[in-house]
C-alpha atoms as a PDB file:
ATOM      1  CA  LEU A   1       6.841 -49.871 113.737  1.00  0.00           C
ATOM      2  CA  LEU A   2       7.598 -49.906 110.090  1.00  0.00           C
ATOM      3  CA  CYS A   3       6.738 -46.656 108.125  1.00  0.00           C
ATOM      4  CA  VAL A   4       7.139 -47.277 104.238  1.00  0.00           C
ATOM      5  CA  THR A   5       6.369 -45.246 101.183  1.00  0.00           C
ATOM      6  CA  TYR A   6       3.886 -45.719  98.781  1.00  0.00           C
ATOM      7  CA  GLY A   7       5.144 -48.121  95.758  1.00  0.00           C
ATOM      8  CA  ALA A   8       8.450 -49.674  96.359  1.00  0.00           C
ATOM      9  CA  GLY A   9       8.829 -49.387  99.546  1.00  0.00           C
ATOM     10  CA  GLY A  10       5.439 -51.515 100.322  1.00  0.00           C
ATOM     11  CA  HIS A  11       7.167 -54.150  97.932  1.00  0.00           C
ATOM     12  CA  ASN A  12      10.162 -53.866  99.345  1.00  0.00           C
ATOM     13  CA  VAL A  13       8.858 -55.093 103.247  1.00  0.00           C
ATOM     14  CA  VAL A  14       6.563 -57.960 102.188  1.00  0.00           C
ATOM     15  CA  ASN A  15       9.593 -60.706 103.515  1.00  0.00           C
ATOM     16  CA  PRO A  16      10.221 -58.624 106.730  1.00  0.00           C
ATOM     17  CA  VAL A  17       6.527 -58.534 107.691  1.00  0.00           C
ATOM     18  CA  ALA A  18       6.016 -62.271 106.323  1.00  0.00           C
ATOM     19  CA  GLY A  19       9.274 -62.692 108.823  1.00  0.00           C
ATOM     20  CA  ALA A  20       7.748 -60.991 111.351  1.00  0.00           C
ATOM     21  CA  TYR A  21       4.925 -62.763 111.252  1.00  0.00           C
ATOM     22  CA  ALA A  22       6.380 -66.539 111.488  1.00  0.00           C
ATOM     23  CA  GLU A  23       8.197 -65.319 114.633  1.00  0.00           C
ATOM     24  CA  GLN A  24       5.059 -63.801 116.242  1.00  0.00           C
ATOM     25  CA  VAL A  25       6.794 -60.567 116.470  1.00  0.00           C
ATOM     26  CA  PRO A  26       4.003 -57.809 116.756  1.00  0.00           C
ATOM     27  CA  LEU A  27       4.489 -55.154 113.982  1.00  0.00           C
ATOM     28  CA  LEU A  28       2.579 -52.022 112.925  1.00  0.00           C
ATOM     29  CA  VAL A  29       3.050 -50.984 109.150  1.00  0.00           C
ATOM     30  CA  VAL A  30       1.996 -47.627 108.180  1.00  0.00           C
ATOM     31  CA  SER A  31       2.329 -47.091 104.319  1.00  0.00           C
ATOM     32  CA  GLY A  32       1.504 -43.992 102.131  1.00  0.00           C
ATOM     33  CA  GLY A  33      -0.639 -44.130  99.215  1.00  0.00           C
ATOM     34  CA  PRO A  34      -1.725 -42.089  95.855  1.00  0.00           C
ATOM     35  CA  GLY A  35      -3.555 -38.763  96.566  1.00  0.00           C
ATOM     36  CA  GLU A  36      -7.022 -38.393  95.707  1.00  0.00           C
ATOM     37  CA  ALA A  37      -6.225 -36.717  92.544  1.00  0.00           C
ATOM     38  CA  GLU A  38      -3.963 -39.544  91.357  1.00  0.00           C
ATOM     39  CA  GLN A  39      -6.376 -42.338  92.007  1.00  0.00           C
ATOM     40  CA  LYS A  40      -9.333 -40.078  89.864  1.00  0.00           C
ATOM     41  CA  LEU A  41      -6.557 -38.988  87.105  1.00  0.00           C
ATOM     42  CA  ALA A  42      -4.894 -42.539  86.556  1.00  0.00           C
ATOM     43  CA  GLY A  43      -6.623 -45.175  89.118  1.00  0.00           C
ATOM     44  CA  VAL A  44      -4.684 -47.572  91.119  1.00  0.00           C
ATOM     45  CA  HIS A  45      -2.154 -49.755  89.248  1.00  0.00           C
ATOM     46  CA  HIS A  46      -1.155 -52.978  90.569  1.00  0.00           C
ATOM     47  CA  GLN A  47       2.908 -53.584  90.172  1.00  0.00           C
ATOM     48  CA  ALA A  48       3.693 -56.974  89.747  1.00  0.00           C
ATOM     49  CA  LYS A  49       7.017 -58.237  87.862  1.00  0.00           C
END
C-alpha cells in the first residue's frame, strides 16, 4: 500500500511503481486530489517539466 499526496507526491512515486510492476510486486497506490471547489475554480492542470 502506497499513500501519496496530490501533485508532487504522485510524481515522486512513478519510478517506484514502475519498478514494482516490472518485478510483479502487487501494489495499491492511493493518491489525494484537488477538492471540488478547486477543480471548478482553476480546473485541473497537468504539470510537466
